[in-house]
C-alpha atoms as a PDB file:
ATOM      1  CA  MET A   1       0.000   0.000   0.000  1.00  0.00           C
ATOM      2  CA  GLY A   2       2.815   2.452   0.840  1.00  0.00           C
ATOM      3  CA  GLU A   3       4.276   1.922  -2.591  1.00  0.00           C
ATOM      4  CA  ASP A   4       1.070   3.169  -4.244  1.00  0.00           C
ATOM      5  CA  ILE A   5       1.019   6.462  -2.318  1.00  0.00           C
ATOM      6  CA  PHE A   6       4.670   7.487  -2.506  1.00  0.00           C
ATOM      7  CA  THR A   7       5.443   7.307  -6.177  1.00  0.00           C
ATOM      8  CA  THR A   8       8.529   9.103  -7.435  1.00  0.00           C
ATOM      9  CA  THR A   9       6.523  12.167  -8.446  1.00  0.00           C
ATOM     10  CA  VAL A  10       4.650  12.367  -5.139  1.00  0.00           C
ATOM     11  CA  SER A  11       7.907  11.968  -3.223  1.00  0.00           C
ATOM     12  CA  LEU A  12       9.514  14.836  -5.128  1.00  0.00           C
ATOM     13  CA  TYR A  13       6.580  17.164  -4.473  1.00  0.00           C
ATOM     14  CA  PHE A  14       6.446  16.069  -0.817  1.00  0.00           C
ATOM     15  CA  TYR A  15      10.123  17.001  -0.556  1.00  0.00           C
ATOM     16  CA  ARG A  16       9.366  20.449  -2.009  1.00  0.00           C
ATOM     17  CA  PHE A  17       6.522  20.917   0.486  1.00  0.00           C
ATOM     18  CA  ILE A  18       8.764  20.041   3.452  1.00  0.00           C
ATOM     19  CA  TYR A  19      11.572  22.212   2.063  1.00  0.00           C
ATOM     20  CA  ASP A  20       9.270  25.228   1.709  1.00  0.00           C
ATOM     21  CA  ALA A  21       7.732  24.639   5.145  1.00  0.00           C
ATOM     22  CA  LEU A  22      11.203  24.634   6.717  1.00  0.00           C
ATOM     23  CA  PHE A  23      12.021  27.946   5.047  1.00  0.00           C
ATOM     24  CA  LEU A  24       8.637  29.392   5.975  1.00  0.00           C
ATOM     25  CA  PHE A  25       9.230  28.944   9.720  1.00  0.00           C
ATOM     26  CA  PRO A  26      12.158  31.410  10.097  1.00  0.00           C
ATOM     27  CA  SER A  27      10.391  33.772   7.687  1.00  0.00           C
ATOM     28  CA  TRP A  28       7.331  33.681   9.911  1.00  0.00           C
ATOM     29  CA  LEU A  29       9.487  34.359  12.980  1.00  0.00           C
ATOM     30  CA  SER A  30      11.189  37.310  11.266  1.00  0.00           C
ATOM     31  CA  SER A  31       7.983  38.984  10.127  1.00  0.00           C
ATOM     32  CA  GLY A  32       5.826  38.108  13.123  1.00  0.00           C
ATOM     33  CA  LYS A  33       2.896  37.047  10.929  1.00  0.00           C
ATOM     34  CA  LEU A  34       2.225  33.806   9.123  1.00  0.00           C
ATOM     35  CA  ILE A  35       0.722  35.386   6.016  1.00  0.00           C
ATOM     36  CA  SER A  36       2.123  38.781   5.105  1.00  0.00           C
ATOM     37  CA  PHE A  37       4.205  40.540   2.498  1.00  0.00           C
ATOM     38  CA  TRP A  38       7.229  40.370   4.810  1.00  0.00           C
ATOM     39  CA  THR A  39       6.869  36.642   5.395  1.00  0.00           C
ATOM     40  CA  ALA A  40       6.960  36.131   1.624  1.00  0.00           C
ATOM     41  CA  TRP A  41       9.874  38.570   1.325  1.00  0.00           C
ATOM     42  CA  TYR A  42      11.967  36.725   3.920  1.00  0.00           C
ATOM     43  CA  LEU A  43      11.010  33.347   2.399  1.00  0.00           C
ATOM     44  CA  ILE A  44      12.197  34.453  -1.041  1.00  0.00           C
ATOM     45  CA  TYR A  45      15.332  36.020   0.425  1.00  0.00           C
ATOM     46  CA  GLY A  46      16.225  32.827   2.316  1.00  0.00           C
ATOM     47  CA  SER A  47      15.557  30.599  -0.685  1.00  0.00           C
ATOM     48  CA  LEU A  48      17.683  32.744  -2.979  1.00  0.00           C
ATOM     49  CA  ALA A  49      20.517  32.956  -0.443  1.00  0.00           C
ATOM     50  CA  GLU A  50      20.468  29.183  -0.020  1.00  0.00           C
ATOM     51  CA  ASP A  51      20.641  28.663  -3.800  1.00  0.00           C
ATOM     52  CA  VAL A  52      23.588  31.046  -4.111  1.00  0.00           C
ATOM     53  CA  PHE A  53      25.449  29.265  -1.299  1.00  0.00           C
ATOM     54  CA  TYR A  54      24.875  25.926  -3.027  1.00  0.00           C
ATOM     55  CA  TRP A  55      26.161  27.372  -6.291  1.00  0.00           C
ATOM     56  CA  ILE A  56      29.310  28.491  -4.507  1.00  0.00           C
ATOM     57  CA  LEU A  57      29.839  25.247  -2.589  1.00  0.00           C
ATOM     58  CA  GLU A  58      29.007  22.876  -5.443  1.00  0.00           C
ATOM     59  CA  LEU A  59      30.573  25.060  -8.153  1.00  0.00           C
ATOM     60  CA  LYS A  60      27.641  24.374 -10.442  1.00  0.00           C
ATOM     61  CA  ILE A  61      24.222  25.913 -10.982  1.00  0.00           C
ATOM     62  CA  PRO A  62      21.295  24.119  -9.295  1.00  0.00           C
ATOM     63  CA  ASN A  63      19.453  23.233 -12.482  1.00  0.00           C
ATOM     64  CA  SER A  64      22.228  20.754 -13.208  1.00  0.00           C
ATOM     65  CA  TYR A  65      21.103  18.552 -10.310  1.00  0.00           C
ATOM     66  CA  ALA A  66      17.542  19.644  -9.355  1.00  0.00           C
ATOM     67  CA  TRP A  67      14.411  18.720 -11.313  1.00  0.00           C
ATOM     68  CA  PHE A  68      12.206  21.586 -10.156  1.00  0.00           C
ATOM     69  CA  TYR A  69      14.100  24.550 -11.601  1.00  0.00           C
ATOM     70  CA  PRO A  70      12.514  26.160 -14.652  1.00  0.00           C
ATOM     71  CA  VAL A  71      15.487  26.896 -16.873  1.00  0.00           C
ATOM     72  CA  TYR A  72      15.920  28.889 -20.057  1.00  0.00           C
ATOM     73  CA  ARG A  73      19.285  28.428 -21.806  1.00  0.00           C
ATOM     74  CA  GLY A  74      20.975  27.375 -18.574  1.00  0.00           C
ATOM     75  CA  ILE A  75      19.594  30.291 -16.527  1.00  0.00           C
ATOM     76  CA  PRO A  76      17.407  29.334 -13.525  1.00  0.00           C
ATOM     77  CA  LEU A  77      14.373  31.572 -14.077  1.00  0.00           C
ATOM     78  CA  ASP A  78      12.973  31.371 -10.558  1.00  0.00           C
ATOM     79  CA  ASP A  79      16.208  32.697  -9.046  1.00  0.00           C
ATOM     80  CA  VAL A  80      16.356  35.529 -11.566  1.00  0.00           C
ATOM     81  CA  LEU A  81      12.741  36.476 -10.779  1.00  0.00           C
ATOM     82  CA  GLU A  82      13.438  36.239  -7.035  1.00  0.00           C
ATOM     83  CA  ALA A  83      16.465  38.536  -7.363  1.00  0.00           C
ATOM     84  CA  ILE A  84      14.446  41.071  -9.390  1.00  0.00           C
ATOM     85  CA  PHE A  85      11.612  41.001  -6.837  1.00  0.00           C
ATOM     86  CA  LEU A  86      14.037  41.530  -3.938  1.00  0.00           C
ATOM     87  CA  ALA A  87      15.824  44.358  -5.746  1.00  0.00           C
ATOM     88  CA  ILE A  88      12.535  46.161  -6.467  1.00  0.00           C
ATOM     89  CA  THR A  89      11.226  45.739  -2.933  1.00  0.00           C
ATOM     90  CA  ALA A  90      14.526  46.451  -1.140  1.00  0.00           C
ATOM     91  CA  ASP A  91      13.524  50.101  -0.748  1.00  0.00           C
ATOM     92  CA  PHE A  92      10.334  49.021   1.038  1.00  0.00           C
ATOM     93  CA  SER A  93      12.459  46.966   3.422  1.00  0.00           C
ATOM     94  CA  ARG A  94      14.635  49.966   4.248  1.00  0.00           C
ATOM     95  CA  LEU A  95      11.586  52.186   4.718  1.00  0.00           C
ATOM     96  CA  ARG A  96      10.086  49.645   7.109  1.00  0.00           C
ATOM     97  CA  ARG A  97      13.194  49.626   9.300  1.00  0.00           C
ATOM     98  CA  VAL A  98      13.325  53.441   9.354  1.00  0.00           C
ATOM     99  CA  GLY A  99       9.633  53.559  10.304  1.00  0.00           C
ATOM    100  CA  GLU A 100      10.170  51.077  13.131  1.00  0.00           C
ATOM    101  CA  ARG A 101      13.023  53.183  14.534  1.00  0.00           C
ATOM    102  CA  LEU A 102      10.915  56.351  14.413  1.00  0.00           C
ATOM    103  CA  HIS A 103       8.056  54.727  16.340  1.00  0.00           C
ATOM    104  CA  ARG A 104      10.185  53.484  19.245  1.00  0.00           C
END
């Protein structure tokens, strides 16, 4: 019976669910809310930082060993989109910290 439930595809998606849940926990602690813009921001930031560290340690881009990366001509699209999102919203992050200091 266990063999019917955990097929290769289900196992891979279960892994992604656990992986994202593990990254969501520190993001939730950082933002103070489970569902918020800042939780998503910290989740994306942590995921991108982890990918970059793996690139450095493994000396190869993640799409060479991970099935879930959408890739166009060797460029991992999700990491590019994450970096663009973080760059655009970085000013909001700075404004938030300044606002928190002013309200103390």
